């Protein structure tokens, strides 16, 4: 009942904002990852399908104007070439909601069920960050971030601490553990070889 209450609250009041980080060098892909298509739909469109039940406040964090063609508002990276730490800071600095779902653009197989678990656990344990974890990896770019921690990310950028795992370890984090059967939905697709094998 607690879980149902929180999810209904999210859907009814749009108290979550969604930010999809579209930065990165894309060296292995050779093109913008978020615009790569699977069965006629871009990675971004597939991710939006998964998040649309949680919020209509969906933003893309990118300086690439090509993403405007998808019809979602874009916000620029406030600190250029500083990786996902800057992307998350830019998102939290822009956000007008306390709770923010932050995803990378290269998780096209993410689905409602995975995100539902993360959001429920985030509200249940009331941590500042709640992210996905499987038996092999932590997935900091599949998670919930409270807007109040933006100063931690800004300080890390100014100090040159740009390794995301090191930054989030300073904060109160909840890990949502997924079994091996869920790994395919959490997978980062950063090459066409990985896409072909998925």
N, C-alpha and C. Protein backbone atom coordinates (compact mmCIF):
# COMPACT_ATOMS: atom_id res chain seq x y z
N UNK A 1 0.82 -1.21 0.00
CA UNK A 1 0.00 0.00 0.00
C UNK A 1 0.86 1.27 0.00
N UNK A 2 1.96 1.24 0.74
CA UNK A 2 2.85 2.40 0.76
C UNK A 2 3.38 2.66 -0.64
N UNK A 3 3.82 1.58 -1.31
CA UNK A 3 4.36 1.71 -2.65
C UNK A 3 3.33 2.31 -3.59
N UNK A 4 2.11 1.78 -3.57
CA UNK A 4 1.07 2.25 -4.46
C UNK A 4 0.78 3.73 -4.23
N UNK A 5 0.78 4.14 -2.97
CA UNK A 5 0.52 5.55 -2.65
C UNK A 5 1.56 6.45 -3.30
N UNK A 6 2.82 6.08 -3.17
CA UNK A 6 3.87 6.94 -3.70
C UNK A 6 3.83 7.00 -5.22
N UNK A 7 3.60 5.86 -5.87
CA UNK A 7 3.58 5.88 -7.33
C UNK A 7 2.39 6.68 -7.83
N UNK A 8 1.24 6.56 -7.20
CA UNK A 8 0.08 7.36 -7.60
C UNK A 8 0.37 8.85 -7.42
N UNK A 9 1.05 9.17 -6.32
CA UNK A 9 1.39 10.56 -6.05
C UNK A 9 2.30 11.11 -7.14
N UNK A 10 3.27 10.32 -7.56
CA UNK A 10 4.18 10.74 -8.61
C UNK A 10 3.42 11.00 -9.90
N UNK A 11 2.58 10.05 -10.30
CA UNK A 11 1.86 10.17 -11.55
C UNK A 11 0.89 11.34 -11.52
N UNK A 12 0.16 11.51 -10.41
CA UNK A 12 -0.86 12.54 -10.34
C UNK A 12 -0.28 13.95 -10.28
N UNK A 13 0.81 14.11 -9.56
CA UNK A 13 1.32 15.45 -9.29
C UNK A 13 2.59 15.82 -10.05
N UNK A 14 3.12 14.89 -10.81
CA UNK A 14 4.36 15.16 -11.54
C UNK A 14 5.44 15.73 -10.62
N UNK A 15 5.65 15.08 -9.48
CA UNK A 15 6.65 15.58 -8.55
C UNK A 15 8.05 15.04 -8.88
N UNK A 16 8.16 14.32 -9.97
CA UNK A 16 9.46 13.86 -10.46
C UNK A 16 9.75 14.57 -11.78
N UNK A 17 11.00 14.97 -11.95
CA UNK A 17 11.48 15.39 -13.27
C UNK A 17 12.42 14.31 -13.79
N UNK A 18 12.43 14.13 -15.09
CA UNK A 18 13.28 13.13 -15.72
C UNK A 18 14.33 13.84 -16.57
N UNK A 19 15.58 13.47 -16.38
CA UNK A 19 16.68 14.02 -17.17
C UNK A 19 17.45 12.88 -17.81
N UNK A 20 17.59 12.95 -19.12
CA UNK A 20 18.35 11.95 -19.87
C UNK A 20 19.64 12.61 -20.34
N UNK A 21 20.77 12.07 -19.88
CA UNK A 21 22.08 12.65 -20.20
C UNK A 21 22.53 12.15 -21.56
N UNK A 22 22.74 13.08 -22.48
CA UNK A 22 23.09 12.71 -23.86
C UNK A 22 24.51 13.12 -24.22
N UNK A 23 25.34 13.35 -23.22
CA UNK A 23 26.72 13.77 -23.49
C UNK A 23 27.62 12.60 -23.79
N UNK A 24 28.91 12.83 -23.69
CA UNK A 24 29.88 11.76 -23.97
C UNK A 24 30.48 11.91 -25.35
N UNK A 25 31.62 11.28 -25.54
CA UNK A 25 32.35 11.41 -26.80
C UNK A 25 31.82 10.51 -27.91
N UNK A 26 31.11 9.44 -27.54
CA UNK A 26 30.53 8.54 -28.53
C UNK A 26 31.56 7.96 -29.50
N UNK A 27 32.78 7.74 -29.01
CA UNK A 27 33.85 7.27 -29.89
C UNK A 27 33.57 5.90 -30.46
N UNK A 28 33.11 4.98 -29.61
CA UNK A 28 32.88 3.61 -30.08
C UNK A 28 31.66 3.51 -30.98
N UNK A 29 30.68 4.36 -30.75
CA UNK A 29 29.46 4.34 -31.56
C UNK A 29 29.69 5.08 -32.87
N UNK A 30 30.52 6.11 -32.83
CA UNK A 30 30.78 6.87 -34.04
C UNK A 30 29.66 7.82 -34.43
N UNK A 31 28.65 7.93 -33.58
CA UNK A 31 27.51 8.81 -33.83
C UNK A 31 26.85 9.12 -32.50
N UNK A 32 25.84 9.97 -32.50
CA UNK A 32 25.13 10.28 -31.27
C UNK A 32 24.35 9.06 -30.80
N UNK A 33 24.72 8.55 -29.64
CA UNK A 33 24.08 7.32 -29.14
C UNK A 33 22.58 7.47 -28.98
N UNK A 34 22.16 8.58 -28.45
CA UNK A 34 20.74 8.76 -28.17
C UNK A 34 19.87 8.76 -29.40
N UNK A 35 20.47 9.01 -30.57
CA UNK A 35 19.71 9.07 -31.81
C UNK A 35 19.78 7.77 -32.61
N UNK A 36 20.57 6.82 -32.15
CA UNK A 36 20.62 5.50 -32.81
C UNK A 36 19.25 4.84 -32.68
N UNK A 37 18.84 4.14 -33.73
CA UNK A 37 17.49 3.57 -33.74
C UNK A 37 17.48 2.05 -33.64
N UNK A 38 16.47 1.55 -32.95
CA UNK A 38 16.16 0.13 -32.88
C UNK A 38 14.72 -0.03 -33.37
N UNK A 39 14.57 -0.76 -34.45
CA UNK A 39 13.22 -0.95 -35.02
C UNK A 39 12.48 0.36 -35.22
N UNK A 40 13.22 1.34 -35.73
CA UNK A 40 12.60 2.62 -36.09
C UNK A 40 12.46 3.63 -34.98
N UNK A 41 12.85 3.27 -33.75
CA UNK A 41 12.76 4.20 -32.62
C UNK A 41 14.15 4.47 -32.05
N UNK A 42 14.43 5.74 -31.78
CA UNK A 42 15.73 6.10 -31.22
C UNK A 42 15.84 5.64 -29.78
N UNK A 43 17.09 5.54 -29.31
CA UNK A 43 17.32 5.19 -27.91
C UNK A 43 16.50 6.12 -27.00
N UNK A 44 16.52 7.42 -27.31
CA UNK A 44 15.79 8.38 -26.48
C UNK A 44 14.31 8.07 -26.45
N UNK A 45 13.73 7.78 -27.59
CA UNK A 45 12.30 7.48 -27.65
C UNK A 45 11.96 6.23 -26.84
N UNK A 46 12.83 5.24 -26.89
CA UNK A 46 12.59 4.01 -26.12
C UNK A 46 12.67 4.29 -24.61
N UNK A 47 13.62 5.11 -24.22
CA UNK A 47 13.74 5.47 -22.80
C UNK A 47 12.53 6.28 -22.35
N UNK A 48 12.10 7.22 -23.18
CA UNK A 48 10.92 8.03 -22.85
C UNK A 48 9.69 7.15 -22.67
N UNK A 49 9.56 6.13 -23.50
CA UNK A 49 8.43 5.20 -23.34
C UNK A 49 8.43 4.56 -21.95
N UNK A 50 9.63 4.28 -21.43
CA UNK A 50 9.74 3.64 -20.11
C UNK A 50 9.45 4.59 -18.97
N UNK A 51 9.74 5.88 -19.16
CA UNK A 51 9.60 6.84 -18.05
C UNK A 51 8.28 7.61 -18.07
N UNK A 52 7.55 7.53 -19.17
CA UNK A 52 6.40 8.43 -19.36
C UNK A 52 5.29 8.22 -18.34
N UNK A 53 5.22 7.05 -17.72
CA UNK A 53 4.20 6.83 -16.69
C UNK A 53 4.54 7.50 -15.36
N UNK A 54 5.79 7.91 -15.21
CA UNK A 54 6.22 8.52 -13.95
C UNK A 54 6.20 10.04 -13.98
N UNK A 55 6.39 10.62 -15.16
CA UNK A 55 6.43 12.07 -15.26
C UNK A 55 6.31 12.51 -16.71
N UNK A 56 5.77 13.69 -16.89
CA UNK A 56 5.75 14.34 -18.20
C UNK A 56 6.82 15.42 -18.28
N UNK A 57 7.52 15.63 -17.18
CA UNK A 57 8.61 16.62 -17.14
C UNK A 57 9.90 15.94 -17.60
N UNK A 58 10.10 15.87 -18.90
CA UNK A 58 11.23 15.12 -19.46
C UNK A 58 12.15 16.09 -20.18
N UNK A 59 13.44 16.04 -19.83
CA UNK A 59 14.43 16.94 -20.41
C UNK A 59 15.64 16.14 -20.89
N UNK A 60 16.28 16.65 -21.93
CA UNK A 60 17.52 16.06 -22.43
C UNK A 60 18.66 17.00 -22.09
N UNK A 61 19.71 16.45 -21.47
CA UNK A 61 20.89 17.26 -21.13
C UNK A 61 21.91 17.08 -22.24
N UNK A 62 22.03 18.09 -23.08
CA UNK A 62 22.92 18.02 -24.24
C UNK A 62 23.10 19.41 -24.83
N UNK A 63 24.21 19.60 -25.52
CA UNK A 63 24.43 20.83 -26.29
C UNK A 63 24.18 20.61 -27.77
N UNK A 64 23.81 19.40 -28.13
CA UNK A 64 23.61 19.04 -29.54
C UNK A 64 22.18 19.36 -29.97
N UNK A 65 22.04 20.33 -30.86
CA UNK A 65 20.71 20.76 -31.30
C UNK A 65 19.98 19.71 -32.12
N UNK A 66 20.68 18.68 -32.59
CA UNK A 66 20.01 17.62 -33.35
C UNK A 66 18.93 16.93 -32.51
N UNK A 67 19.09 16.97 -31.19
CA UNK A 67 18.11 16.32 -30.32
C UNK A 67 16.77 17.06 -30.27
N UNK A 68 16.76 18.31 -30.72
CA UNK A 68 15.51 19.06 -30.73
C UNK A 68 14.46 18.41 -31.62
N UNK A 69 14.92 17.64 -32.60
CA UNK A 69 13.99 16.98 -33.53
C UNK A 69 13.09 15.97 -32.82
N UNK A 70 13.49 15.54 -31.62
CA UNK A 70 12.69 14.56 -30.88
C UNK A 70 11.52 15.20 -30.13
N UNK A 71 11.55 16.53 -30.02
CA UNK A 71 10.41 17.22 -29.43
C UNK A 71 10.47 17.42 -27.93
N UNK A 72 11.62 17.16 -27.31
CA UNK A 72 11.77 17.35 -25.87
C UNK A 72 12.71 18.52 -25.60
N UNK A 73 12.46 19.29 -24.54
CA UNK A 73 13.34 20.42 -24.24
C UNK A 73 14.74 19.95 -23.89
N UNK A 74 15.72 20.71 -24.34
CA UNK A 74 17.10 20.37 -24.02
C UNK A 74 17.70 21.46 -23.14
N UNK A 75 18.60 21.04 -22.26
CA UNK A 75 19.35 22.00 -21.45
C UNK A 75 20.84 21.71 -21.66
N UNK A 76 21.62 22.76 -21.71
CA UNK A 76 23.04 22.59 -21.97
C UNK A 76 23.81 22.17 -20.73
N UNK A 77 24.97 21.58 -20.96
CA UNK A 77 25.88 21.23 -19.87
C UNK A 77 26.51 22.51 -19.33
N UNK A 78 26.41 22.75 -18.05
CA UNK A 78 26.93 23.98 -17.47
C UNK A 78 28.46 23.99 -17.43
N UNK A 79 29.06 22.81 -17.31
CA UNK A 79 30.52 22.69 -17.34
C UNK A 79 30.86 21.72 -18.47
N UNK A 80 31.46 22.24 -19.52
CA UNK A 80 31.70 21.44 -20.72
C UNK A 80 32.82 20.42 -20.49
N UNK A 81 32.62 19.25 -21.10
CA UNK A 81 33.64 18.19 -21.12
C UNK A 81 34.05 17.73 -19.72
N UNK A 82 33.09 17.71 -18.81
CA UNK A 82 33.36 17.25 -17.44
C UNK A 82 32.63 15.95 -17.12
N UNK A 83 32.05 15.32 -18.13
CA UNK A 83 31.46 14.00 -17.94
C UNK A 83 30.12 14.02 -17.21
N UNK A 84 29.70 12.84 -16.73
CA UNK A 84 28.38 12.72 -16.11
C UNK A 84 28.22 13.49 -14.80
N UNK A 85 29.32 13.79 -14.11
CA UNK A 85 29.21 14.60 -12.89
C UNK A 85 28.63 15.97 -13.24
N UNK A 86 29.11 16.54 -14.35
CA UNK A 86 28.57 17.82 -14.80
C UNK A 86 27.15 17.67 -15.33
N UNK A 87 26.88 16.56 -16.02
CA UNK A 87 25.53 16.33 -16.52
C UNK A 87 24.51 16.27 -15.40
N UNK A 88 24.86 15.57 -14.33
CA UNK A 88 23.95 15.47 -13.19
C UNK A 88 23.79 16.83 -12.50
N UNK A 89 24.90 17.54 -12.33
CA UNK A 89 24.79 18.88 -11.74
C UNK A 89 23.90 19.78 -12.58
N UNK A 90 24.09 19.75 -13.89
CA UNK A 90 23.28 20.59 -14.78
C UNK A 90 21.80 20.26 -14.65
N UNK A 91 21.51 18.97 -14.53
CA UNK A 91 20.11 18.53 -14.37
C UNK A 91 19.54 19.02 -13.05
N UNK A 92 20.26 18.79 -11.96
CA UNK A 92 19.75 19.18 -10.64
C UNK A 92 19.65 20.69 -10.50
N UNK A 93 20.57 21.41 -11.12
CA UNK A 93 20.53 22.87 -11.06
C UNK A 93 19.32 23.42 -11.82
N UNK A 94 18.94 22.73 -12.88
CA UNK A 94 17.80 23.15 -13.69
C UNK A 94 16.47 22.75 -13.07
N UNK A 95 16.46 21.66 -12.34
CA UNK A 95 15.22 21.05 -11.87
C UNK A 95 14.42 21.95 -10.92
N UNK A 96 13.11 21.87 -11.05
CA UNK A 96 12.20 22.56 -10.15
C UNK A 96 11.48 21.58 -9.22
N UNK A 97 11.92 20.33 -9.23
CA UNK A 97 11.34 19.32 -8.34
C UNK A 97 12.43 18.74 -7.44
N UNK A 98 12.04 18.32 -6.25
CA UNK A 98 13.01 17.71 -5.34
C UNK A 98 13.54 16.39 -5.88
N UNK A 99 12.65 15.60 -6.46
CA UNK A 99 13.01 14.25 -6.89
C UNK A 99 13.23 14.21 -8.40
N UNK A 100 14.33 13.57 -8.79
CA UNK A 100 14.72 13.57 -10.20
C UNK A 100 15.23 12.20 -10.62
N UNK A 101 14.64 11.70 -11.67
CA UNK A 101 15.08 10.44 -12.26
C UNK A 101 16.10 10.77 -13.33
N UNK A 102 17.32 10.29 -13.15
CA UNK A 102 18.41 10.60 -14.08
C UNK A 102 18.89 9.32 -14.75
N UNK A 103 18.94 9.38 -16.08
CA UNK A 103 19.32 8.22 -16.89
C UNK A 103 20.31 8.63 -17.96
N UNK A 104 21.17 7.70 -18.34
CA UNK A 104 22.03 7.94 -19.50
C UNK A 104 21.23 7.62 -20.76
N UNK A 105 21.70 8.14 -21.88
CA UNK A 105 20.96 7.95 -23.14
C UNK A 105 21.22 6.59 -23.78
N UNK A 106 22.11 5.79 -23.17
CA UNK A 106 22.50 4.53 -23.81
C UNK A 106 21.94 3.31 -23.08
N UNK A 107 20.75 3.47 -22.48
CA UNK A 107 20.08 2.33 -21.84
C UNK A 107 18.71 2.11 -22.50
N UNK A 108 18.70 1.78 -23.79
CA UNK A 108 17.43 1.69 -24.52
C UNK A 108 16.51 0.57 -24.08
N UNK A 109 17.05 -0.39 -23.32
CA UNK A 109 16.23 -1.53 -22.90
C UNK A 109 15.65 -1.36 -21.50
N UNK A 110 15.89 -0.20 -20.89
CA UNK A 110 15.32 0.07 -19.58
C UNK A 110 13.80 -0.01 -19.68
N UNK A 111 13.15 -0.47 -18.62
CA UNK A 111 11.69 -0.62 -18.71
C UNK A 111 10.99 -0.11 -17.45
N UNK A 112 9.68 -0.10 -17.52
CA UNK A 112 8.86 0.40 -16.41
C UNK A 112 9.14 -0.36 -15.12
N UNK A 113 9.23 -1.67 -15.21
CA UNK A 113 9.38 -2.51 -14.01
C UNK A 113 10.66 -2.17 -13.24
N UNK A 114 11.76 -1.99 -13.96
CA UNK A 114 13.03 -1.63 -13.32
C UNK A 114 12.90 -0.28 -12.62
N UNK A 115 12.40 0.70 -13.35
CA UNK A 115 12.28 2.05 -12.80
C UNK A 115 11.29 2.12 -11.65
N UNK A 116 10.23 1.35 -11.75
CA UNK A 116 9.23 1.29 -10.69
C UNK A 116 9.86 0.86 -9.37
N UNK A 117 10.70 -0.16 -9.41
CA UNK A 117 11.38 -0.64 -8.20
C UNK A 117 12.29 0.43 -7.62
N UNK A 118 13.03 1.11 -8.49
CA UNK A 118 13.96 2.13 -8.02
C UNK A 118 13.22 3.28 -7.35
N UNK A 119 12.16 3.74 -7.99
CA UNK A 119 11.40 4.86 -7.44
C UNK A 119 10.73 4.49 -6.13
N UNK A 120 10.14 3.33 -6.07
CA UNK A 120 9.50 2.88 -4.83
C UNK A 120 10.50 2.81 -3.68
N UNK A 121 11.67 2.23 -3.97
CA UNK A 121 12.67 2.08 -2.91
C UNK A 121 13.22 3.44 -2.49
N UNK A 122 13.32 4.34 -3.45
CA UNK A 122 13.80 5.70 -3.15
C UNK A 122 12.89 6.38 -2.13
N UNK A 123 11.60 6.29 -2.35
CA UNK A 123 10.66 6.92 -1.42
C UNK A 123 10.58 6.16 -0.10
N UNK A 124 10.68 4.85 -0.16
CA UNK A 124 10.56 4.05 1.05
C UNK A 124 11.69 4.33 2.04
N UNK A 125 12.92 4.42 1.52
CA UNK A 125 14.08 4.58 2.41
C UNK A 125 14.54 6.03 2.53
N UNK A 126 13.98 6.90 1.70
CA UNK A 126 14.21 8.35 1.83
C UNK A 126 15.69 8.72 1.78
N UNK A 127 16.42 8.11 0.85
CA UNK A 127 17.83 8.44 0.67
C UNK A 127 17.97 9.58 -0.34
N UNK A 128 19.16 10.17 -0.39
CA UNK A 128 19.41 11.26 -1.34
C UNK A 128 19.61 10.73 -2.76
N UNK A 129 20.15 9.52 -2.86
CA UNK A 129 20.36 8.89 -4.17
C UNK A 129 19.91 7.44 -4.06
N UNK A 130 19.24 6.96 -5.08
CA UNK A 130 18.89 5.54 -5.17
C UNK A 130 19.21 5.08 -6.58
N UNK A 131 20.12 4.09 -6.69
CA UNK A 131 20.57 3.67 -8.02
C UNK A 131 20.53 2.15 -8.16
N UNK A 132 20.56 1.72 -9.40
CA UNK A 132 20.50 0.29 -9.71
C UNK A 132 21.87 -0.36 -9.52
N UNK A 133 21.81 -1.64 -9.14
CA UNK A 133 23.03 -2.43 -8.97
C UNK A 133 22.71 -3.86 -9.35
N UNK A 134 23.63 -4.50 -10.11
CA UNK A 134 23.48 -5.92 -10.38
C UNK A 134 24.70 -6.66 -9.83
N UNK A 135 24.83 -7.92 -10.15
CA UNK A 135 25.91 -8.72 -9.56
C UNK A 135 27.29 -8.28 -10.04
N UNK A 136 27.35 -7.54 -11.13
CA UNK A 136 28.64 -7.14 -11.70
C UNK A 136 28.92 -5.65 -11.60
N UNK A 137 27.89 -4.82 -11.66
CA UNK A 137 28.10 -3.38 -11.80
C UNK A 137 27.12 -2.55 -10.98
N UNK A 138 27.60 -1.36 -10.64
CA UNK A 138 26.72 -0.31 -10.12
C UNK A 138 26.34 0.57 -11.31
N UNK A 139 25.09 1.01 -11.34
CA UNK A 139 24.60 1.81 -12.47
C UNK A 139 24.15 3.19 -11.96
N UNK A 140 25.10 4.10 -11.76
CA UNK A 140 24.74 5.41 -11.20
C UNK A 140 23.89 6.27 -12.13
N UNK A 141 23.86 5.92 -13.42
CA UNK A 141 23.03 6.69 -14.35
C UNK A 141 21.72 5.99 -14.65
N UNK A 142 21.28 5.18 -13.71
CA UNK A 142 19.91 4.67 -13.68
C UNK A 142 19.46 4.86 -12.24
N UNK A 143 18.96 6.05 -11.93
CA UNK A 143 18.65 6.29 -10.54
C UNK A 143 17.92 7.58 -10.24
N UNK A 144 17.56 7.69 -8.97
CA UNK A 144 16.86 8.86 -8.44
C UNK A 144 17.85 9.73 -7.65
N UNK A 145 17.76 11.04 -7.88
CA UNK A 145 18.65 12.00 -7.23
C UNK A 145 17.83 13.15 -6.64
N UNK A 146 18.08 13.45 -5.38
CA UNK A 146 17.39 14.57 -4.74
C UNK A 146 18.08 15.88 -5.12
N UNK A 147 17.28 16.88 -5.40
CA UNK A 147 17.80 18.15 -5.90
C UNK A 147 18.74 18.83 -4.91
N UNK A 148 18.58 18.53 -3.63
CA UNK A 148 19.36 19.20 -2.59
C UNK A 148 20.85 18.89 -2.63
N UNK A 149 21.24 17.84 -3.36
CA UNK A 149 22.66 17.45 -3.36
C UNK A 149 23.44 18.08 -4.52
N UNK A 150 22.84 19.01 -5.22
CA UNK A 150 23.53 19.59 -6.38
C UNK A 150 24.85 20.26 -5.99
N UNK A 151 24.92 20.80 -4.77
CA UNK A 151 26.15 21.47 -4.33
C UNK A 151 27.32 20.50 -4.23
N UNK A 152 27.04 19.25 -3.90
CA UNK A 152 28.10 18.23 -3.83
C UNK A 152 28.71 18.02 -5.21
N UNK A 153 27.86 17.99 -6.22
CA UNK A 153 28.35 17.79 -7.58
C UNK A 153 29.11 19.02 -8.08
N UNK A 154 28.63 20.19 -7.75
CA UNK A 154 29.34 21.40 -8.16
C UNK A 154 30.72 21.45 -7.52
N UNK A 155 30.81 21.16 -6.23
CA UNK A 155 32.08 21.17 -5.53
C UNK A 155 33.04 20.15 -6.14
N UNK A 156 32.53 18.99 -6.50
CA UNK A 156 33.37 17.95 -7.10
C UNK A 156 33.93 18.41 -8.43
N UNK A 157 33.11 19.10 -9.22
CA UNK A 157 33.59 19.63 -10.51
C UNK A 157 34.69 20.65 -10.27
N UNK A 158 34.46 21.57 -9.36
CA UNK A 158 35.45 22.63 -9.09
C UNK A 158 36.74 22.05 -8.53
N UNK A 159 36.63 20.93 -7.80
CA UNK A 159 37.82 20.28 -7.23
C UNK A 159 38.49 19.34 -8.22
N UNK A 160 37.88 19.14 -9.37
CA UNK A 160 38.44 18.23 -10.37
C UNK A 160 38.18 16.77 -10.09
N UNK A 161 37.25 16.49 -9.19
CA UNK A 161 36.88 15.10 -8.87
C UNK A 161 35.73 14.70 -9.79
N UNK A 162 36.06 14.12 -10.93
CA UNK A 162 35.07 13.88 -11.97
C UNK A 162 34.67 12.41 -12.10
N UNK A 163 35.14 11.56 -11.20
CA UNK A 163 34.74 10.16 -11.23
C UNK A 163 33.43 10.02 -10.48
N UNK A 164 32.38 9.66 -11.20
CA UNK A 164 31.03 9.68 -10.63
C UNK A 164 30.90 8.79 -9.40
N UNK A 165 31.47 7.61 -9.44
CA UNK A 165 31.35 6.70 -8.29
C UNK A 165 31.94 7.33 -7.03
N UNK A 166 33.06 8.03 -7.18
CA UNK A 166 33.67 8.68 -6.02
C UNK A 166 32.78 9.78 -5.45
N UNK A 167 32.07 10.46 -6.33
CA UNK A 167 31.19 11.54 -5.87
C UNK A 167 30.00 10.99 -5.11
N UNK A 168 29.34 9.98 -5.66
CA UNK A 168 28.12 9.49 -5.01
C UNK A 168 28.42 8.76 -3.70
N UNK A 169 29.65 8.26 -3.55
CA UNK A 169 30.00 7.59 -2.30
C UNK A 169 30.06 8.56 -1.12
N UNK A 170 30.09 9.86 -1.41
CA UNK A 170 30.08 10.87 -0.35
C UNK A 170 28.67 11.13 0.17
N UNK A 171 27.70 10.56 -0.52
CA UNK A 171 26.30 10.90 -0.27
C UNK A 171 25.57 9.67 0.26
N UNK A 172 24.42 9.89 0.85
CA UNK A 172 23.58 8.82 1.39
C UNK A 172 22.91 8.08 0.24
N UNK A 173 23.41 6.88 -0.08
CA UNK A 173 22.98 6.16 -1.28
C UNK A 173 22.27 4.86 -0.92
N UNK A 174 21.20 4.58 -1.63
CA UNK A 174 20.50 3.29 -1.55
C UNK A 174 20.73 2.55 -2.87
N UNK A 175 21.12 1.28 -2.77
CA UNK A 175 21.33 0.46 -3.96
C UNK A 175 20.16 -0.50 -4.12
N UNK A 176 19.57 -0.51 -5.31
CA UNK A 176 18.50 -1.45 -5.61
C UNK A 176 19.13 -2.61 -6.37
N UNK A 177 19.11 -3.78 -5.76
CA UNK A 177 19.81 -4.93 -6.32
C UNK A 177 18.91 -5.72 -7.26
N UNK A 178 19.42 -5.94 -8.46
CA UNK A 178 18.70 -6.70 -9.48
C UNK A 178 19.44 -7.99 -9.78
N UNK A 179 18.69 -9.04 -10.07
CA UNK A 179 19.31 -10.33 -10.36
C UNK A 179 19.76 -10.41 -11.82
N UNK A 180 20.37 -11.52 -12.17
CA UNK A 180 20.97 -11.66 -13.50
C UNK A 180 19.95 -11.56 -14.63
N UNK A 181 18.72 -11.94 -14.36
CA UNK A 181 17.71 -11.88 -15.41
C UNK A 181 17.37 -10.44 -15.80
N UNK A 182 17.74 -9.49 -14.96
CA UNK A 182 17.45 -8.07 -15.24
C UNK A 182 18.63 -7.35 -15.90
N UNK A 183 19.77 -8.00 -15.98
CA UNK A 183 20.97 -7.34 -16.49
C UNK A 183 20.78 -6.75 -17.88
N UNK A 184 20.05 -7.46 -18.74
CA UNK A 184 19.89 -7.00 -20.12
C UNK A 184 19.15 -5.67 -20.19
N UNK A 185 18.32 -5.39 -19.18
CA UNK A 185 17.56 -4.15 -19.18
C UNK A 185 18.38 -2.97 -18.66
N UNK A 186 19.47 -3.29 -17.96
CA UNK A 186 20.34 -2.26 -17.38
C UNK A 186 21.55 -1.97 -18.27
N UNK A 187 21.72 -2.75 -19.29
CA UNK A 187 22.95 -2.71 -20.09
C UNK A 187 23.14 -1.37 -20.80
N UNK A 188 24.39 -0.86 -20.72
CA UNK A 188 24.77 0.31 -21.50
C UNK A 188 25.17 -0.12 -22.90
N UNK A 189 24.50 0.41 -23.90
CA UNK A 189 24.81 0.08 -25.29
C UNK A 189 25.66 1.20 -25.86
N UNK A 190 26.98 1.02 -25.84
CA UNK A 190 27.87 2.07 -26.33
C UNK A 190 28.69 1.66 -27.54
N UNK A 191 28.25 0.59 -28.21
CA UNK A 191 28.85 0.20 -29.49
C UNK A 191 27.82 -0.58 -30.28
N UNK A 192 27.99 -0.58 -31.60
CA UNK A 192 27.06 -1.34 -32.44
C UNK A 192 27.22 -2.84 -32.23
N UNK A 193 28.42 -3.26 -31.82
CA UNK A 193 28.63 -4.68 -31.53
C UNK A 193 27.76 -5.10 -30.34
N UNK A 194 27.75 -4.29 -29.30
CA UNK A 194 26.90 -4.59 -28.14
C UNK A 194 25.43 -4.59 -28.53
N UNK A 195 25.05 -3.67 -29.40
CA UNK A 195 23.66 -3.60 -29.84
C UNK A 195 23.28 -4.85 -30.61
N UNK A 196 24.17 -5.29 -31.49
CA UNK A 196 23.90 -6.49 -32.28
C UNK A 196 23.78 -7.74 -31.41
N UNK A 197 24.51 -7.75 -30.29
CA UNK A 197 24.51 -8.92 -29.42
C UNK A 197 23.41 -8.87 -28.35
N UNK A 198 22.62 -7.82 -28.36
CA UNK A 198 21.59 -7.66 -27.32
C UNK A 198 20.24 -8.21 -27.78
